[in-house]
Amino acid sequence: MPLIELATHINAPIAKCFDLARSIDVHVESTRHTGETAIAGRTSGLIELGESVTWRAKHFGIWQTLTSKITEMERPNFFTDEMVKGAFKNFRHEHYFYPVHHQTLMKDIFRYESPVGTLFDLVFLQDYMRHLLEKRNLVIKEIAEAAQPPEGGAKDA
């Protein structure tokens, strides 16, 4: 079964990174190029333990749906989502968050198996999935590190 591991350093607090990683809205933003939308289950906001989301997106030129469920969660250290219905034989995506000197190390461990077979998984799908996850992590990082307006709002000049 193919395995993708990523580590992303983010200059933001662990709780903020954890919440951004489970945000349906941030996920949609990070997959805009696939037309991905949440069509059932939790369709916006922060997904919680036991909740599921059904996604519709275009991959390899074909519209597909996939439902995943949050099967484990310990805020703000980790959560796991697993496919319950979709094009894969199975997938499990573990998200870990570690505080490091007032920053966060976000680690992804993604295991999957397609119905097509190991050769397709390793030759085509692994690079495709790695790119999707890297793009998602870059969006999380950019949002988390964006300058925040001072509390109380801007004052009129």
C-alpha atoms as a PDB file:
ATOM      1  CA  MET A   1       0.000   0.000   0.000  1.00  0.00           C
ATOM      2  CA  PRO A   2       1.548   3.363  -1.018  1.00  0.00           C
ATOM      3  CA  LEU A   3       2.475   5.820   1.704  1.00  0.00           C
ATOM      4  CA  ILE A   4       2.974   9.575   1.471  1.00  0.00           C
ATOM      5  CA  GLU A   5       4.564  11.456   4.365  1.00  0.00           C
ATOM      6  CA  LEU A   6       4.837  15.238   4.448  1.00  0.00           C
ATOM      7  CA  ALA A   7       6.162  17.687   7.025  1.00  0.00           C
ATOM      8  CA  THR A   8       5.207  21.363   6.891  1.00  0.00           C
ATOM      9  CA  HIS A   9       6.624  24.016   9.223  1.00  0.00           C
ATOM     10  CA  ILE A  10       4.133  26.790   9.967  1.00  0.00           C
ATOM     11  CA  ASN A  11       4.839  30.019  11.826  1.00  0.00           C
ATOM     12  CA  ALA A  12       1.559  29.931  13.764  1.00  0.00           C
ATOM     13  CA  PRO A  13       0.161  28.387  16.960  1.00  0.00           C
ATOM     14  CA  ILE A  14      -0.735  24.700  16.984  1.00  0.00           C
ATOM     15  CA  ALA A  15      -4.464  25.258  17.686  1.00  0.00           C
ATOM     16  CA  LYS A  16      -4.798  27.581  14.692  1.00  0.00           C
ATOM     17  CA  CYS A  17      -3.078  25.070  12.391  1.00  0.00           C
ATOM     18  CA  PHE A  18      -5.212  22.214  13.726  1.00  0.00           C
ATOM     19  CA  ASP A  19      -8.434  24.110  13.052  1.00  0.00           C
ATOM     20  CA  LEU A  20      -7.353  25.214   9.574  1.00  0.00           C
ATOM     21  CA  ALA A  21      -6.489  21.611   8.680  1.00  0.00           C
ATOM     22  CA  ARG A  22      -9.997  20.420   9.553  1.00  0.00           C
ATOM     23  CA  SER A  23     -11.785  23.374   7.953  1.00  0.00           C
ATOM     24  CA  ILE A  24     -14.059  22.363   5.094  1.00  0.00           C
ATOM     25  CA  ASP A  25     -13.803  25.900   3.689  1.00  0.00           C
ATOM     26  CA  VAL A  26      -9.979  25.853   3.644  1.00  0.00           C
ATOM     27  CA  HIS A  27     -10.039  22.429   1.984  1.00  0.00           C
ATOM     28  CA  VAL A  28     -12.317  23.760  -0.759  1.00  0.00           C
ATOM     29  CA  GLU A  29      -9.962  26.722  -1.277  1.00  0.00           C
ATOM     30  CA  SER A  30      -6.937  24.423  -1.553  1.00  0.00           C
ATOM     31  CA  THR A  31      -8.614  22.198  -4.165  1.00  0.00           C
ATOM     32  CA  ARG A  32     -10.252  24.948  -6.219  1.00  0.00           C
ATOM     33  CA  HIS A  33      -8.378  23.720  -9.331  1.00  0.00           C
ATOM     34  CA  THR A  34     -10.317  20.403  -9.155  1.00  0.00           C
ATOM     35  CA  GLY A  35     -13.711  22.084  -8.694  1.00  0.00           C
ATOM     36  CA  GLU A  36     -13.990  20.267  -5.372  1.00  0.00           C
ATOM     37  CA  THR A  37     -17.052  21.032  -3.282  1.00  0.00           C
ATOM     38  CA  ALA A  38     -18.570  19.537  -0.146  1.00  0.00           C
ATOM     39  CA  ILE A  39     -22.000  18.198  -1.135  1.00  0.00           C
ATOM     40  CA  ALA A  40     -23.183  16.204   1.902  1.00  0.00           C
ATOM     41  CA  GLY A  41     -22.492  15.731   5.592  1.00  0.00           C
ATOM     42  CA  ARG A  42     -20.482  18.609   7.061  1.00  0.00           C
ATOM     43  CA  THR A  43     -20.309  21.092   4.165  1.00  0.00           C
ATOM     44  CA  SER A  44     -18.690  24.091   5.893  1.00  0.00           C
ATOM     45  CA  GLY A  45     -16.927  25.030   9.094  1.00  0.00           C
ATOM     46  CA  LEU A  46     -14.815  22.699  11.236  1.00  0.00           C
ATOM     47  CA  ILE A  47     -15.372  18.974  10.920  1.00  0.00           C
ATOM     48  CA  GLU A  48     -15.572  17.125  14.243  1.00  0.00           C
ATOM     49  CA  LEU A  49     -14.999  13.586  15.498  1.00  0.00           C
ATOM     50  CA  GLY A  50     -17.560  11.170  14.043  1.00  0.00           C
ATOM     51  CA  GLU A  51     -18.671  13.560  11.303  1.00  0.00           C
ATOM     52  CA  SER A  52     -18.350  12.847   7.611  1.00  0.00           C
ATOM     53  CA  VAL A  53     -18.141  14.917   4.455  1.00  0.00           C
ATOM     54  CA  THR A  54     -18.894  13.929   0.877  1.00  0.00           C
ATOM     55  CA  TRP A  55     -16.724  15.643  -1.720  1.00  0.00           C
ATOM     56  CA  ARG A  56     -17.353  16.053  -5.433  1.00  0.00           C
ATOM     57  CA  ALA A  57     -14.315  16.839  -7.586  1.00  0.00           C
ATOM     58  CA  LYS A  58     -12.827  16.318 -11.011  1.00  0.00           C
ATOM     59  CA  HIS A  59      -9.716  14.129 -11.021  1.00  0.00           C
ATOM     60  CA  PHE A  60      -8.116  12.734 -14.168  1.00  0.00           C
ATOM     61  CA  GLY A  61     -10.925  14.376 -16.176  1.00  0.00           C
ATOM     62  CA  ILE A  62     -13.685  12.454 -14.381  1.00  0.00           C
ATOM     63  CA  TRP A  63     -16.180  13.800 -11.827  1.00  0.00           C
ATOM     64  CA  GLN A  64     -15.994  11.666  -8.699  1.00  0.00           C
ATOM     65  CA  THR A  65     -17.527  11.590  -5.234  1.00  0.00           C
ATOM     66  CA  LEU A  66     -15.802  10.461  -2.071  1.00  0.00           C
ATOM     67  CA  THR A  67     -17.034  10.335   1.506  1.00  0.00           C
ATOM     68  CA  SER A  68     -14.585  10.479   4.397  1.00  0.00           C
ATOM     69  CA  LYS A  69     -15.183  10.362   8.137  1.00  0.00           C
ATOM     70  CA  ILE A  70     -13.199  11.691  11.092  1.00  0.00           C
ATOM     71  CA  THR A  71     -12.428   8.492  13.013  1.00  0.00           C
ATOM     72  CA  GLU A  72      -9.935   9.815  15.581  1.00  0.00           C
ATOM     73  CA  MET A  73      -9.322  13.232  17.104  1.00  0.00           C
ATOM     74  CA  GLU A  74      -7.367  14.676  19.978  1.00  0.00           C
ATOM     75  CA  ARG A  75      -7.418  18.471  19.749  1.00  0.00           C
ATOM     76  CA  PRO A  76      -4.959  20.045  18.928  1.00  0.00           C
ATOM     77  CA  ASN A  77      -2.518  17.149  18.431  1.00  0.00           C
ATOM     78  CA  PHE A  78      -4.008  14.903  15.762  1.00  0.00           C
ATOM     79  CA  PHE A  79      -6.983  13.716  13.781  1.00  0.00           C
ATOM     80  CA  THR A  80      -7.573  10.974  11.242  1.00  0.00           C
ATOM     81  CA  ASP A  81      -9.937  10.879   8.300  1.00  0.00           C
ATOM     82  CA  GLU A  82     -10.755   7.667   6.472  1.00  0.00           C
ATOM     83  CA  MET A  83     -12.647   7.006   3.271  1.00  0.00           C
ATOM     84  CA  VAL A  84     -15.982   5.284   3.810  1.00  0.00           C
ATOM     85  CA  LYS A  85     -17.160   5.457   0.187  1.00  0.00           C
ATOM     86  CA  GLY A  86     -15.416   6.399  -3.027  1.00  0.00           C
ATOM     87  CA  ALA A  87     -13.019   5.535  -5.817  1.00  0.00           C
ATOM     88  CA  PHE A  88     -10.215   4.183  -3.620  1.00  0.00           C
ATOM     89  CA  LYS A  89     -10.190   0.672  -2.191  1.00  0.00           C
ATOM     90  CA  ASN A  90      -9.295   2.510   1.004  1.00  0.00           C
ATOM     91  CA  PHE A  91      -7.423   5.479   2.375  1.00  0.00           C
ATOM     92  CA  ARG A  92      -6.383   6.713   5.781  1.00  0.00           C
ATOM     93  CA  HIS A  93      -5.044  10.238   6.305  1.00  0.00           C
ATOM     94  CA  GLU A  94      -3.427  10.939   9.671  1.00  0.00           C
ATOM     95  CA  HIS A  95      -2.769  14.583  10.589  1.00  0.00           C
ATOM     96  CA  TYR A  96      -0.284  15.317  13.403  1.00  0.00           C
ATOM     97  CA  PHE A  97       0.584  18.699  14.939  1.00  0.00           C
ATOM     98  CA  TYR A  98       3.627  19.400  17.087  1.00  0.00           C
ATOM     99  CA  PRO A  99       4.492  22.694  18.809  1.00  0.00           C
ATOM    100  CA  VAL A 100       8.080  23.709  17.995  1.00  0.00           C
ATOM    101  CA  HIS A 101       9.417  27.017  19.387  1.00  0.00           C
ATOM    102  CA  HIS A 102       6.074  28.899  19.142  1.00  0.00           C
ATOM    103  CA  GLN A 103       5.507  27.433  15.690  1.00  0.00           C
ATOM    104  CA  THR A 104       3.876  24.235  14.441  1.00  0.00           C
ATOM    105  CA  LEU A 105       5.184  21.192  12.641  1.00  0.00           C
ATOM    106  CA  MET A 106       2.277  19.700  10.712  1.00  0.00           C
ATOM    107  CA  LYS A 107       2.831  16.122   9.594  1.00  0.00           C
ATOM    108  CA  ASP A 108       0.679  14.129   7.175  1.00  0.00           C
ATOM    109  CA  ILE A 109       0.720  10.360   6.832  1.00  0.00           C
ATOM    110  CA  PHE A 110      -1.461   9.271   3.917  1.00  0.00           C
ATOM    111  CA  ARG A 111      -1.953   5.582   3.092  1.00  0.00           C
ATOM    112  CA  TYR A 112      -4.127   4.582   0.174  1.00  0.00           C
ATOM    113  CA  GLU A 113      -4.942   1.839  -2.273  1.00  0.00           C
ATOM    114  CA  SER A 114      -6.682   2.306  -5.588  1.00  0.00           C
ATOM    115  CA  PRO A 115      -8.835  -0.335  -7.267  1.00  0.00           C
ATOM    116  CA  VAL A 116      -6.548  -0.203 -10.323  1.00  0.00           C
ATOM    117  CA  GLY A 117      -3.516  -1.758  -8.653  1.00  0.00           C
ATOM    118  CA  THR A 118      -0.112  -1.133  -7.122  1.00  0.00           C
ATOM    119  CA  LEU A 119       1.681  -0.233 -10.362  1.00  0.00           C
ATOM    120  CA  PHE A 120      -0.840   2.557 -11.116  1.00  0.00           C
ATOM    121  CA  ASP A 121      -0.693   3.672  -7.471  1.00  0.00           C
ATOM    122  CA  LEU A 122       3.078   4.033  -7.529  1.00  0.00           C
ATOM    123  CA  VAL A 123       3.593   5.321 -11.079  1.00  0.00           C
ATOM    124  CA  PHE A 124       0.706   7.792 -11.470  1.00  0.00           C
ATOM    125  CA  LEU A 125      -1.402   8.251  -8.371  1.00  0.00           C
ATOM    126  CA  GLN A 126       1.352   8.753  -5.803  1.00  0.00           C
ATOM    127  CA  ASP A 127       2.718  11.910  -7.486  1.00  0.00           C
ATOM    128  CA  TYR A 128      -0.802  13.225  -8.082  1.00  0.00           C
ATOM    129  CA  MET A 129      -1.827  12.707  -4.447  1.00  0.00           C
ATOM    130  CA  ARG A 130       1.455  14.138  -3.124  1.00  0.00           C
ATOM    131  CA  HIS A 131       0.881  17.284  -5.217  1.00  0.00           C
ATOM    132  CA  LEU A 132      -2.705  17.638  -3.892  1.00  0.00           C
ATOM    133  CA  LEU A 133      -1.523  17.294  -0.290  1.00  0.00           C
ATOM    134  CA  GLU A 134       1.387  19.713  -0.782  1.00  0.00           C
ATOM    135  CA  LYS A 135      -0.961  22.300  -2.327  1.00  0.00           C
ATOM    136  CA  ARG A 136      -3.393  21.865   0.565  1.00  0.00           C
ATOM    137  CA  ASN A 137      -0.609  22.307   3.119  1.00  0.00           C
ATOM    138  CA  LEU A 138       0.674  25.419   1.343  1.00  0.00           C
ATOM    139  CA  VAL A 139      -2.790  27.003   1.559  1.00  0.00           C
ATOM    140  CA  ILE A 140      -3.034  26.129   5.274  1.00  0.00           C
ATOM    141  CA  LYS A 141       0.432  27.629   5.833  1.00  0.00           C
ATOM    142  CA  GLU A 142      -0.385  30.822   3.906  1.00  0.00           C
ATOM    143  CA  ILE A 143      -3.643  31.376   5.800  1.00  0.00           C
ATOM    144  CA  ALA A 144      -2.090  30.561   9.184  1.00  0.00           C
ATOM    145  CA  GLU A 145       0.867  32.887   8.630  1.00  0.00           C
ATOM    146  CA  ALA A 146      -1.112  35.773   7.133  1.00  0.00           C
ATOM    147  CA  ALA A 147      -0.892  38.999   9.096  1.00  0.00           C
ATOM    148  CA  GLN A 148      -3.926  39.466  11.275  1.00  0.00           C
ATOM    149  CA  PRO A 149      -5.510  42.884  11.766  1.00  0.00           C
ATOM    150  CA  PRO A 150      -5.078  44.256  15.276  1.00  0.00           C
ATOM    151  CA  GLU A 151      -7.904  43.443  17.659  1.00  0.00           C
ATOM    152  CA  GLY A 152     -10.576  46.103  17.785  1.00  0.00           C
ATOM    153  CA  GLY A 153     -10.411  46.711  14.028  1.00  0.00           C
ATOM    154  CA  ALA A 154      -8.800  49.446  12.028  1.00  0.00           C
ATOM    155  CA  LYS A 155      -9.231  53.052  13.073  1.00  0.00           C
ATOM    156  CA  ASP A 156     -10.359  55.720  10.658  1.00  0.00           C
ATOM    157  CA  ALA A 157      -7.537  57.908   9.372  1.00  0.00           C
END
